[in-house]
PDB file of all heavy atoms in Angstrom:
ATOM      1  N   TYR A   1      83.643  84.739 103.193  1.00  0.00           N
ATOM      2  CA  TYR A   1      83.814  83.391 103.761  1.00  0.00           C
ATOM      3  C   TYR A   1      83.939  82.408 102.613  1.00  0.00           C
ATOM      4  O   TYR A   1      83.078  82.345 101.723  1.00  0.00           O
ATOM      5  CB  TYR A   1      82.626  83.024 104.650  1.00  0.00           C
ATOM      6  CG  TYR A   1      82.667  81.595 105.147  1.00  0.00           C
ATOM      7  CD1 TYR A   1      83.543  81.218 106.157  1.00  0.00           C
ATOM      8  CD2 TYR A   1      81.835  80.622 104.591  1.00  0.00           C
ATOM      9  CE1 TYR A   1      83.585  79.914 106.610  1.00  0.00           C
ATOM     10  CE2 TYR A   1      81.869  79.314 105.031  1.00  0.00           C
ATOM     11  CZ  TYR A   1      82.761  78.967 106.037  1.00  0.00           C
ATOM     12  OH  TYR A   1      82.819  77.664 106.481  1.00  0.00           O
ATOM     13  N   SER A   2      85.014  81.627 102.621  1.00  0.00           N
ATOM     14  CA  SER A   2      85.252  80.614 101.597  1.00  0.00           C
ATOM     15  C   SER A   2      84.812  79.254 102.116  1.00  0.00           C
ATOM     16  O   SER A   2      85.177  78.859 103.241  1.00  0.00           O
ATOM     17  CB  SER A   2      86.736  80.570 101.208  1.00  0.00           C
ATOM     18  OG  SER A   2      87.142  81.803 100.660  1.00  0.00           O
ATOM     19  N   LEU A   3      84.037  78.562 101.314  1.00  0.00           N
ATOM     20  CA  LEU A   3      83.544  77.258 101.735  1.00  0.00           C
ATOM     21  C   LEU A   3      84.695  76.261 101.876  1.00  0.00           C
ATOM     22  O   LEU A   3      85.617  76.245 101.056  1.00  0.00           O
ATOM     23  CB  LEU A   3      82.529  76.715 100.722  1.00  0.00           C
ATOM     24  CG  LEU A   3      81.054  77.097 100.959  1.00  0.00           C
ATOM     25  CD1 LEU A   3      80.865  78.593 100.858  1.00  0.00           C
ATOM     26  CD2 LEU A   3      80.152  76.350  99.964  1.00  0.00           C
ATOM     27  N   PRO A   4      84.655  75.420 102.914  1.00  0.00           N
ATOM     28  CA  PRO A   4      85.720  74.411 103.094  1.00  0.00           C
ATOM     29  C   PRO A   4      85.652  73.335 102.021  1.00  0.00           C
ATOM     30  O   PRO A   4      84.659  73.200 101.292  1.00  0.00           O
ATOM     31  CB  PRO A   4      85.418  73.850 104.485  1.00  0.00           C
ATOM     32  CG  PRO A   4      83.963  74.105 104.693  1.00  0.00           C
ATOM     33  CD  PRO A   4      83.663  75.390 103.989  1.00  0.00           C
ATOM     34  N   VAL A   5      86.699  72.543 101.942  1.00  0.00           N
ATOM     35  CA  VAL A   5      86.830  71.540 100.883  1.00  0.00           C
ATOM     36  C   VAL A   5      85.706  70.513 100.920  1.00  0.00           C
ATOM     37  O   VAL A   5      85.190  70.093  99.864  1.00  0.00           O
ATOM     38  CB  VAL A   5      88.207  70.844 100.993  1.00  0.00           C
ATOM     39  CG1 VAL A   5      88.303  69.708  99.959  1.00  0.00           C
ATOM     40  CG2 VAL A   5      89.330  71.831 100.812  1.00  0.00           C
ATOM     41  N   ASN A   6      85.294  70.063 102.112  1.00  0.00           N
ATOM     42  CA  ASN A   6      84.254  69.028 102.182  1.00  0.00           C
ATOM     43  C   ASN A   6      82.925  69.510 101.609  1.00  0.00           C
ATOM     44  O   ASN A   6      82.200  68.747 100.952  1.00  0.00           O
ATOM     45  CB  ASN A   6      84.077  68.546 103.624  1.00  0.00           C
ATOM     46  CG  ASN A   6      83.703  69.688 104.568  1.00  0.00           C
ATOM     47  OD1 ASN A   6      83.987  70.854 104.286  1.00  0.00           O
ATOM     48  ND2 ASN A   6      83.077  69.338 105.678  1.00  0.00           N
ATOM     49  N   LEU A   7      82.607  70.816 101.805  1.00  0.00           N
ATOM     50  CA  LEU A   7      81.376  71.343 101.205  1.00  0.00           C
ATOM     51  C   LEU A   7      81.527  71.545  99.705  1.00  0.00           C
ATOM     52  O   LEU A   7      80.572  71.351  98.943  1.00  0.00           O
ATOM     53  CB  LEU A   7      80.999  72.666 101.874  1.00  0.00           C
ATOM     54  CG  LEU A   7      80.502  72.569 103.320  1.00  0.00           C
ATOM     55  CD1 LEU A   7      80.188  73.965 103.861  1.00  0.00           C
ATOM     56  CD2 LEU A   7      79.267  71.679 103.412  1.00  0.00           C
ATOM     57  N   LEU A   8      82.729  71.914  99.265  1.00  0.00           N
ATOM     58  CA  LEU A   8      82.969  72.069  97.833  1.00  0.00           C
ATOM     59  C   LEU A   8      82.787  70.754  97.099  1.00  0.00           C
ATOM     60  O   LEU A   8      82.241  70.708  95.983  1.00  0.00           O
ATOM     61  CB  LEU A   8      84.381  72.616  97.592  1.00  0.00           C
ATOM     62  CG  LEU A   8      84.653  74.054  98.034  1.00  0.00           C
ATOM     63  CD1 LEU A   8      86.125  74.408  97.829  1.00  0.00           C
ATOM     64  CD2 LEU A   8      83.770  75.041  97.255  1.00  0.00           C
ATOM     65  N   ASN A   9      83.235  69.674  97.721  1.00  0.00           N
ATOM     66  CA  ASN A   9      83.097  68.356  97.091  1.00  0.00           C
ATOM     67  C   ASN A   9      81.627  67.964  96.953  1.00  0.00           C
ATOM     68  O   ASN A   9      81.227  67.329  95.967  1.00  0.00           O
ATOM     69  CB  ASN A   9      83.844  67.304  97.895  1.00  0.00           C
ATOM     70  CG  ASN A   9      85.352  67.527  97.830  1.00  0.00           C
ATOM     71  OD1 ASN A   9      85.868  68.094  96.861  1.00  0.00           O
ATOM     72  ND2 ASN A   9      86.066  67.088  98.861  1.00  0.00           N
ATOM     73  N   LYS A  10      80.809  68.370  97.942  1.00  0.00           N
ATOM     74  CA  LYS A  10      79.396  68.007  97.885  1.00  0.00           C
ATOM     75  C   LYS A  10      78.661  68.735  96.768  1.00  0.00           C
ATOM     76  O   LYS A  10      77.727  68.186  96.172  1.00  0.00           O
ATOM     77  CB  LYS A  10      78.725  68.309  99.231  1.00  0.00           C
ATOM     78  CG  LYS A  10      79.176  67.384 100.349  1.00  0.00           C
ATOM     79  CD  LYS A  10      78.454  67.733 101.651  1.00  0.00           C
ATOM     80  CE  LYS A  10      78.894  66.786 102.771  1.00  0.00           C
ATOM     81  NZ  LYS A  10      78.203  67.099 104.052  1.00  0.00           N
ATOM     82  N   ILE A  11      79.072  69.967  96.487  1.00  0.00           N
ATOM     83  CA  ILE A  11      78.388  70.742  95.427  1.00  0.00           C
ATOM     84  C   ILE A  11      79.168  70.683  94.116  1.00  0.00           C
ATOM     85  O   ILE A  11      78.831  71.378  93.156  1.00  0.00           O
ATOM     86  CB  ILE A  11      78.178  72.202  95.854  1.00  0.00           C
ATOM     87  CG1 ILE A  11      79.536  72.895  96.096  1.00  0.00           C
ATOM     88  CG2 ILE A  11      77.308  72.286  97.096  1.00  0.00           C
ATOM     89  CD1 ILE A  11      79.415  74.364  96.404  1.00  0.00           C
ATOM     90  N   HIS A  12      80.257  69.878  94.102  1.00  0.00           N
ATOM     91  CA  HIS A  12      81.067  69.681  92.900  1.00  0.00           C
ATOM     92  C   HIS A  12      81.599  71.009  92.352  1.00  0.00           C
ATOM     93  O   HIS A  12      81.470  71.329  91.165  1.00  0.00           O
ATOM     94  CB  HIS A  12      80.260  68.950  91.809  1.00  0.00           C
ATOM     95  CG  HIS A  12      79.679  67.667  92.259  1.00  0.00           C
ATOM     96  ND1 HIS A  12      80.441  66.524  92.474  1.00  0.00           N
ATOM     97  CD2 HIS A  12      78.378  67.331  92.571  1.00  0.00           C
ATOM     98  CE1 HIS A  12      79.663  65.536  92.870  1.00  0.00           C
ATOM     99  NE2 HIS A  12      78.410  65.990  92.953  1.00  0.00           N
ATOM    100  N   ALA A  13      82.182  71.792  93.244  1.00  0.00           N
ATOM    101  CA  ALA A  13      82.744  73.095  92.869  1.00  0.00           C
ATOM    102  C   ALA A  13      84.217  73.151  93.260  1.00  0.00           C
ATOM    103  O   ALA A  13      84.670  72.493  94.210  1.00  0.00           O
ATOM    104  CB  ALA A  13      81.990  74.234  93.552  1.00  0.00           C
ATOM    105  N   LYS A  14      84.991  73.888  92.490  1.00  0.00           N
ATOM    106  CA  LYS A  14      86.404  74.064  92.797  1.00  0.00           C
ATOM    107  C   LYS A  14      86.633  75.157  93.842  1.00  0.00           C
ATOM    108  O   LYS A  14      87.539  75.081  94.655  1.00  0.00           O
ATOM    109  CB  LYS A  14      87.172  74.416  91.529  1.00  0.00           C
ATOM    110  CG  LYS A  14      87.174  73.314  90.472  1.00  0.00           C
ATOM    111  CD  LYS A  14      87.969  73.744  89.248  1.00  0.00           C
ATOM    112  CE  LYS A  14      87.998  72.651  88.190  1.00  0.00           C
ATOM    113  NZ  LYS A  14      88.742  73.089  86.973  1.00  0.00           N
ATOM    114  N   LYS A  15      85.767  76.173  93.793  1.00  0.00           N
ATOM    115  CA  LYS A  15      85.915  77.290  94.725  1.00  0.00           C
ATOM    116  C   LYS A  15      84.569  77.985  94.877  1.00  0.00           C
ATOM    117  O   LYS A  15      83.837  78.164  93.908  1.00  0.00           O
ATOM    118  CB  LYS A  15      86.962  78.290  94.215  1.00  0.00           C
ATOM    119  CG  LYS A  15      87.278  79.399  95.179  1.00  0.00           C
ATOM    120  CD  LYS A  15      88.379  80.309  94.612  1.00  0.00           C
ATOM    121  CE  LYS A  15      88.708  81.428  95.593  1.00  0.00           C
ATOM    122  NZ  LYS A  15      89.762  82.332  95.058  1.00  0.00           N
ATOM    123  N   ALA A  16      84.241  78.373  96.099  1.00  0.00           N
ATOM    124  CA  ALA A  16      82.996  79.092  96.349  1.00  0.00           C
ATOM    125  C   ALA A  16      83.172  79.981  97.573  1.00  0.00           C
ATOM    126  O   ALA A  16      83.807  79.581  98.556  1.00  0.00           O
ATOM    127  CB  ALA A  16      81.836  78.126  96.552  1.00  0.00           C
ATOM    128  N   SER A  17      82.625  81.187  97.500  1.00  0.00           N
ATOM    129  CA  SER A  17      82.730  82.118  98.626  1.00  0.00           C
ATOM    130  C   SER A  17      81.524  83.040  98.652  1.00  0.00           C
ATOM    131  O   SER A  17      80.888  83.302  97.626  1.00  0.00           O
ATOM    132  CB  SER A  17      84.019  82.937  98.537  1.00  0.00           C
ATOM    133  OG  SER A  17      84.031  83.736  97.363  1.00  0.00           O
ATOM    134  N   ILE A  18      81.249  83.549  99.834  1.00  0.00           N
ATOM    135  CA  ILE A  18      80.183  84.518 100.060  1.00  0.00           C
ATOM    136  C   ILE A  18      80.839  85.797 100.569  1.00  0.00           C
ATOM    137  O   ILE A  18      81.718  85.742 101.442  1.00  0.00           O
ATOM    138  CB  ILE A  18      79.156  83.993 101.075  1.00  0.00           C
ATOM    139  CG1 ILE A  18      78.587  82.648 100.615  1.00  0.00           C
ATOM    140  CG2 ILE A  18      78.033  85.003 101.299  1.00  0.00           C
ATOM    141  CD1 ILE A  18      77.729  81.982 101.674  1.00  0.00           C
ATOM    142  N   PHE A  19      80.425  86.948 100.028  1.00  0.00           N
ATOM    143  CA  PHE A  19      81.096  88.188 100.435  1.00  0.00           C
ATOM    144  C   PHE A  19      80.089  89.314 100.635  1.00  0.00           C
ATOM    145  O   PHE A  19      78.995  89.329 100.058  1.00  0.00           O
ATOM    146  CB  PHE A  19      82.139  88.600  99.390  1.00  0.00           C
ATOM    147  CG  PHE A  19      81.559  89.059  98.082  1.00  0.00           C
ATOM    148  CD1 PHE A  19      81.211  90.390  97.869  1.00  0.00           C
ATOM    149  CD2 PHE A  19      81.346  88.152  97.048  1.00  0.00           C
ATOM    150  CE1 PHE A  19      80.677  90.805  96.659  1.00  0.00           C
ATOM    151  CE2 PHE A  19      80.807  88.563  95.833  1.00  0.00           C
ATOM    152  CZ  PHE A  19      80.471  89.893  95.641  1.00  0.00           C
ATOM    153  N   LEU A  20      80.481  90.246 101.466  1.00  0.00           N
ATOM    154  CA  LEU A  20      79.744  91.488 101.701  1.00  0.00           C
ATOM    155  C   LEU A  20      80.745  92.624 101.590  1.00  0.00           C
ATOM    156  O   LEU A  20      81.776  92.623 102.272  1.00  0.00           O
ATOM    157  CB  LEU A  20      79.091  91.490 103.078  1.00  0.00           C
ATOM    158  CG  LEU A  20      78.350  92.776 103.472  1.00  0.00           C
ATOM    159  CD1 LEU A  20      77.152  92.991 102.560  1.00  0.00           C
ATOM    160  CD2 LEU A  20      77.922  92.733 104.929  1.00  0.00           C
ATOM    161  N   GLN A  21      80.457  93.583 100.718  1.00  0.00           N
ATOM    162  CA  GLN A  21      81.396  94.672 100.470  1.00  0.00           C
ATOM    163  C   GLN A  21      80.694  96.020 100.611  1.00  0.00           C
ATOM    164  O   GLN A  21      79.580  96.213 100.123  1.00  0.00           O
ATOM    165  CB  GLN A  21      81.991  94.565  99.063  1.00  0.00           C
ATOM    166  CG  GLN A  21      83.043  95.634  98.755  1.00  0.00           C
ATOM    167  CD  GLN A  21      83.538  95.538  97.322  1.00  0.00           C
ATOM    168  OE1 GLN A  21      82.776  95.730  96.390  1.00  0.00           O
ATOM    169  NE2 GLN A  21      84.817  95.228  97.151  1.00  0.00           N
ATOM    170  N   GLY A  22      81.364  96.953 101.285  1.00  0.00           N
ATOM    171  CA  GLY A  22      80.843  98.307 101.450  1.00  0.00           C
ATOM    172  C   GLY A  22      81.835  99.336 100.959  1.00  0.00           C
ATOM    173  O   GLY A  22      83.050  99.126 101.019  1.00  0.00           O
ATOM    174  N   GLN A  23      81.324 100.464 100.464  1.00  0.00           N
ATOM    175  CA  GLN A  23      82.166 101.558  99.978  1.00  0.00           C
ATOM    176  C   GLN A  23      81.687 102.885 100.571  1.00  0.00           C
ATOM    177  O   GLN A  23      80.489 103.099 100.746  1.00  0.00           O
ATOM    178  CB  GLN A  23      82.133 101.638  98.450  1.00  0.00           C
ATOM    179  CG  GLN A  23      82.732 100.442  97.743  1.00  0.00           C
ATOM    180  CD  GLN A  23      82.721 100.625  96.234  1.00  0.00           C
ATOM    181  OE1 GLN A  23      82.612 101.734  95.725  1.00  0.00           O
ATOM    182  NE2 GLN A  23      82.849  99.522  95.504  1.00  0.00           N
ATOM    183  N   ASN A  24      82.654 103.749 100.889  1.00  0.00           N
ATOM    184  CA  ASN A  24      82.362 105.081 101.436  1.00  0.00           C
ATOM    185  C   ASN A  24      81.433 104.980 102.642  1.00  0.00           C
ATOM    186  O   ASN A  24      80.370 105.595 102.700  1.00  0.00           O
ATOM    187  CB  ASN A  24      81.727 105.981 100.368  1.00  0.00           C
ATOM    188  CG  ASN A  24      82.616 106.144  99.151  1.00  0.00           C
ATOM    189  OD1 ASN A  24      83.810 106.382  99.269  1.00  0.00           O
ATOM    190  ND2 ASN A  24      82.039 105.991  97.976  1.00  0.00           N
ATOM    191  N   LEU A  25      81.877 104.205 103.638  1.00  0.00           N
ATOM    192  CA  LEU A  25      80.989 103.882 104.756  1.00  0.00           C
ATOM    193  C   LEU A  25      80.868 105.032 105.755  1.00  0.00           C
ATOM    194  O   LEU A  25      79.774 105.330 106.226  1.00  0.00           O
ATOM    195  CB  LEU A  25      81.473 102.612 105.445  1.00  0.00           C
ATOM    196  CG  LEU A  25      81.487 101.382 104.543  1.00  0.00           C
ATOM    197  CD1 LEU A  25      81.883 100.148 105.314  1.00  0.00           C
ATOM    198  CD2 LEU A  25      80.121 101.182 103.891  1.00  0.00           C
ATOM    199  N   PHE A  26      81.976 105.668 106.118  1.00  0.00           N
ATOM    200  CA  PHE A  26      81.863 106.861 106.957  1.00  0.00           C
ATOM    201  C   PHE A  26      83.125 107.701 106.813  1.00  0.00           C
ATOM    202  O   PHE A  26      84.168 107.228 106.382  1.00  0.00           O
ATOM    203  CB  PHE A  26      81.584 106.512 108.430  1.00  0.00           C
ATOM    204  CG  PHE A  26      82.731 105.843 109.134  1.00  0.00           C
ATOM    205  CD1 PHE A  26      83.734 106.607 109.747  1.00  0.00           C
ATOM    206  CD2 PHE A  26      82.822 104.469 109.223  1.00  0.00           C
ATOM    207  CE1 PHE A  26      84.794 106.000 110.406  1.00  0.00           C
ATOM    208  CE2 PHE A  26      83.873 103.856 109.874  1.00  0.00           C
ATOM    209  CZ  PHE A  26      84.860 104.621 110.468  1.00  0.00           C
ATOM    210  N   THR A  27      82.985 108.966 107.192  1.00  0.00           N
ATOM    211  CA  THR A  27      84.064 109.943 107.025  1.00  0.00           C
ATOM    212  C   THR A  27      84.242 110.744 108.304  1.00  0.00           C
ATOM    213  O   THR A  27      83.264 111.164 108.933  1.00  0.00           O
ATOM    214  CB  THR A  27      83.758 110.909 105.867  1.00  0.00           C
ATOM    215  OG1 THR A  27      83.567 110.156 104.663  1.00  0.00           O
ATOM    216  CG2 THR A  27      84.887 111.914 105.667  1.00  0.00           C
ATOM    217  N   ILE A  28      85.491 110.951 108.682  1.00  0.00           N
ATOM    218  CA  ILE A  28      85.843 111.842 109.793  1.00  0.00           C
ATOM    219  C   ILE A  28      86.577 113.031 109.197  1.00  0.00           C
ATOM    220  O   ILE A  28      87.553 112.856 108.459  1.00  0.00           O
ATOM    221  CB  ILE A  28      86.741 111.121 110.824  1.00  0.00           C
ATOM    222  CG1 ILE A  28      86.013 109.903 111.403  1.00  0.00           C
ATOM    223  CG2 ILE A  28      87.147 112.072 111.945  1.00  0.00           C
ATOM    224  CD1 ILE A  28      86.896 109.049 112.305  1.00  0.00           C
ATOM    225  N   THR A  29      86.110 114.256 109.492  1.00  0.00           N
ATOM    226  CA  THR A  29      86.722 115.444 108.908  1.00  0.00           C
ATOM    227  C   THR A  29      86.699 116.591 109.905  1.00  0.00           C
ATOM    228  O   THR A  29      85.928 116.572 110.872  1.00  0.00           O
ATOM    229  CB  THR A  29      85.989 115.855 107.613  1.00  0.00           C
ATOM    230  OG1 THR A  29      86.567 117.045 107.085  1.00  0.00           O
ATOM    231  CG2 THR A  29      84.508 116.111 107.878  1.00  0.00           C
ATOM    232  N   ASN A  30      87.542 117.584 109.658  1.00  0.00           N
ATOM    233  CA  ASN A  30      87.585 118.772 110.511  1.00  0.00           C
ATOM    234  C   ASN A  30      86.639 119.853 110.012  1.00  0.00           C
ATOM    235  O   ASN A  30      86.616 120.956 110.548  1.00  0.00           O
ATOM    236  CB  ASN A  30      89.015 119.328 110.572  1.00  0.00           C
ATOM    237  CG  ASN A  30      89.507 119.824 109.217  1.00  0.00           C
ATOM    238  OD1 ASN A  30      89.033 119.380 108.177  1.00  0.00           O
ATOM    239  ND2 ASN A  30      90.455 120.739 109.217  1.00  0.00           N
ATOM    240  N   ASN A  31      85.850 119.562 108.977  1.00  0.00           N
ATOM    241  CA  ASN A  31      84.950 120.559 108.395  1.00  0.00           C
ATOM    242  C   ASN A  31      83.543 119.982 108.238  1.00  0.00           C
ATOM    243  O   ASN A  31      83.048 119.802 107.129  1.00  0.00           O
ATOM    244  CB  ASN A  31      85.475 121.049 107.041  1.00  0.00           C
ATOM    245  CG  ASN A  31      86.576 122.075 107.199  1.00  0.00           C
ATOM    246  OD1 ASN A  31      86.331 123.238 107.503  1.00  0.00           O
ATOM    247  ND2 ASN A  31      87.809 121.635 106.999  1.00  0.00           N
ATOM    248  N   TYR A  32      82.897 119.709 109.369  1.00  0.00           N
ATOM    249  CA  TYR A  32      81.546 119.159 109.312  1.00  0.00           C
ATOM    250  C   TYR A  32      80.520 120.178 108.838  1.00  0.00           C
ATOM    251  O   TYR A  32      79.425 119.818 108.446  1.00  0.00           O
ATOM    252  CB  TYR A  32      81.133 118.631 110.691  1.00  0.00           C
ATOM    253  CG  TYR A  32      81.787 117.316 111.034  1.00  0.00           C
ATOM    254  CD1 TYR A  32      82.833 117.258 111.934  1.00  0.00           C
ATOM    255  CD2 TYR A  32      81.355 116.136 110.435  1.00  0.00           C
ATOM    256  CE1 TYR A  32      83.436 116.057 112.245  1.00  0.00           C
ATOM    257  CE2 TYR A  32      81.959 114.928 110.739  1.00  0.00           C
ATOM    258  CZ  TYR A  32      82.993 114.888 111.648  1.00  0.00           C
ATOM    259  OH  TYR A  32      83.593 113.693 111.941  1.00  0.00           O
ATOM    260  N   ASP A  33      80.879 121.488 108.879  1.00  0.00           N
ATOM    261  CA  ASP A  33      79.922 122.502 108.449  1.00  0.00           C
ATOM    262  C   ASP A  33      79.986 122.761 106.947  1.00  0.00           C
ATOM    263  O   ASP A  33      79.257 123.589 106.417  1.00  0.00           O
ATOM    264  CB  ASP A  33      80.151 123.818 109.199  1.00  0.00           C
ATOM    265  CG  ASP A  33      81.557 124.369 108.976  1.00  0.00           C
ATOM    266  OD1 ASP A  33      82.444 123.575 108.624  1.00  0.00           O
ATOM    267  OD2 ASP A  33      81.757 125.583 109.167  1.00  0.00           O
ATOM    268  N   MET A  34      80.878 122.050 106.243  1.00  0.00           N
ATOM    269  CA  MET A  34      80.996 122.266 104.799  1.00  0.00           C
ATOM    270  C   MET A  34      79.827 121.644 104.068  1.00  0.00           C
ATOM    271  O   MET A  34      79.343 120.568 104.413  1.00  0.00           O
ATOM    272  CB  MET A  34      82.307 121.670 104.270  1.00  0.00           C
ATOM    273  CG  MET A  34      83.548 122.464 104.618  1.00  0.00           C
ATOM    274  SD  MET A  34      85.010 121.756 103.852  1.00  0.00           S
ATOM    275  CE  MET A  34      84.614 121.905 102.129  1.00  0.00           C
ATOM    276  N   VAL A  35      79.367 122.331 103.028  1.00  0.00           N
ATOM    277  CA  VAL A  35      78.289 121.803 102.200  1.00  0.00           C
ATOM    278  C   VAL A  35      78.837 120.877 101.121  1.00  0.00           C
ATOM    279  O   VAL A  35      78.095 120.174 100.454  1.00  0.00           O
ATOM    280  CB  VAL A  35      77.497 122.964 101.574  1.00  0.00           C
ATOM    281  CG1 VAL A  35      78.320 123.688 100.529  1.00  0.00           C
ATOM    282  CG2 VAL A  35      76.183 122.482 100.979  1.00  0.00           C
ATOM    283  N   LEU A  36      80.157 120.848 100.943  1.00  0.00           N
ATOM    284  CA  LEU A  36      80.780 120.060  99.881  1.00  0.00           C
ATOM    285  C   LEU A  36      81.418 118.797 100.439  1.00  0.00           C
ATOM    286  O   LEU A  36      81.821 118.736 101.600  1.00  0.00           O
ATOM    287  CB  LEU A  36      81.841 120.896  99.161  1.00  0.00           C
ATOM    288  CG  LEU A  36      81.382 122.224  98.571  1.00  0.00           C
ATOM    289  CD1 LEU A  36      82.554 122.945  97.926  1.00  0.00           C
ATOM    290  CD2 LEU A  36      80.281 122.010  97.551  1.00  0.00           C
ATOM    291  N   ASP A  37      81.530 117.786  99.590  1.00  0.00           N
ATOM    292  CA  ASP A  37      82.219 116.568  99.958  1.00  0.00           C
ATOM    293  C   ASP A  37      83.713 116.869 100.093  1.00  0.00           C
ATOM    294  O   ASP A  37      84.306 117.482  99.197  1.00  0.00           O
ATOM    295  CB  ASP A  37      81.998 115.500  98.888  1.00  0.00           C
ATOM    296  CG  ASP A  37      82.720 114.211  99.199  1.00  0.00           C
ATOM    297  OD1 ASP A  37      82.204 113.447 100.018  1.00  0.00           O
ATOM    298  OD2 ASP A  37      83.809 113.994  98.637  1.00  0.00           O
ATOM    299  N   PRO A  38      84.376 116.475 101.194  1.00  0.00           N
ATOM    300  CA  PRO A  38      85.780 116.847 101.398  1.00  0.00           C
ATOM    301  C   PRO A  38      86.748 116.225 100.410  1.00  0.00           C
ATOM    302  O   PRO A  38      87.864 116.723 100.243  1.00  0.00           O
ATOM    303  CB  PRO A  38      86.064 116.359 102.833  1.00  0.00           C
ATOM    304  CG  PRO A  38      85.070 115.279 103.074  1.00  0.00           C
ATOM    305  CD  PRO A  38      83.846 115.686 102.321  1.00  0.00           C
ATOM    306  N   GLU A  39      86.337 115.152  99.740  1.00  0.00           N
ATOM    307  CA  GLU A  39      87.230 114.501  98.773  1.00  0.00           C
ATOM    308  C   GLU A  39      87.113 115.125  97.390  1.00  0.00           C
ATOM    309  O   GLU A  39      88.124 115.455  96.759  1.00  0.00           O
ATOM    310  CB  GLU A  39      86.921 113.014  98.695  1.00  0.00           C
ATOM    311  CG  GLU A  39      87.793 112.264  97.700  1.00  0.00           C
ATOM    312  CD  GLU A  39      87.441 110.796  97.595  1.00  0.00           C
ATOM    313  OE1 GLU A  39      86.555 110.333  98.353  1.00  0.00           O
ATOM    314  OE2 GLU A  39      88.047 110.099  96.761  1.00  0.00           O
ATOM    315  N   THR A  40      85.900 115.311  96.909  1.00  0.00           N
ATOM    316  CA  THR A  40      85.692 115.794  95.551  1.00  0.00           C
ATOM    317  C   THR A  40      85.377 117.279  95.483  1.00  0.00           C
ATOM    318  O   THR A  40      85.399 117.860  94.402  1.00  0.00           O
ATOM    319  CB  THR A  40      84.535 115.027  94.888  1.00  0.00           C
ATOM    320  OG1 THR A  40      83.326 115.299  95.612  1.00  0.00           O
ATOM    321  CG2 THR A  40      84.808 113.534  94.897  1.00  0.00           C
ATOM    322  N   MET A  41      85.065 117.907  96.629  1.00  0.00           N
ATOM    323  CA  MET A  41      84.619 119.303  96.680  1.00  0.00           C
ATOM    324  C   MET A  41      83.410 119.498  95.774  1.00  0.00           C
ATOM    325  O   MET A  41      83.243 120.523  95.134  1.00  0.00           O
ATOM    326  CB  MET A  41      85.756 120.255  96.301  1.00  0.00           C
ATOM    327  CG  MET A  41      86.872 120.290  97.323  1.00  0.00           C
ATOM    328  SD  MET A  41      86.320 120.685  98.989  1.00  0.00           S
ATOM    329  CE  MET A  41      85.827 122.386  98.800  1.00  0.00           C
ATOM    330  N   ASN A  42      82.551 118.483  95.753  1.00  0.00           N
ATOM    331  CA  ASN A  42      81.312 118.525  94.984  1.00  0.00           C
ATOM    332  C   ASN A  42      80.148 118.563  95.955  1.00  0.00           C
ATOM    333  O   ASN A  42      80.222 118.018  97.058  1.00  0.00           O
ATOM    334  CB  ASN A  42      81.219 117.289  94.079  1.00  0.00           C
ATOM    335  CG  ASN A  42      80.141 117.417  93.029  1.00  0.00           C
ATOM    336  OD1 ASN A  42      78.961 117.582  93.332  1.00  0.00           O
ATOM    337  ND2 ASN A  42      80.542 117.336  91.776  1.00  0.00           N
ATOM    338  N   SER A  43      79.061 119.215  95.561  1.00  0.00           N
ATOM    339  CA  SER A  43      77.912 119.316  96.449  1.00  0.00           C
ATOM    340  C   SER A  43      77.206 117.974  96.634  1.00  0.00           C
ATOM    341  O   SER A  43      76.452 117.800  97.590  1.00  0.00           O
ATOM    342  CB  SER A  43      76.918 120.355  95.923  1.00  0.00           C
ATOM    343  OG  SER A  43      76.489 120.019  94.618  1.00  0.00           O
TER     344      SER A  43
END
């Protein structure tokens, strides 16, 4: 979410944003019984 211009002026900022980022959140595969990761083939 990027702060609108009126809030930026109040805090004297050119740009401000809040973010939430996730990685490797879930996987769908045809081999749920595998002991290895389907991408890296690592345990």
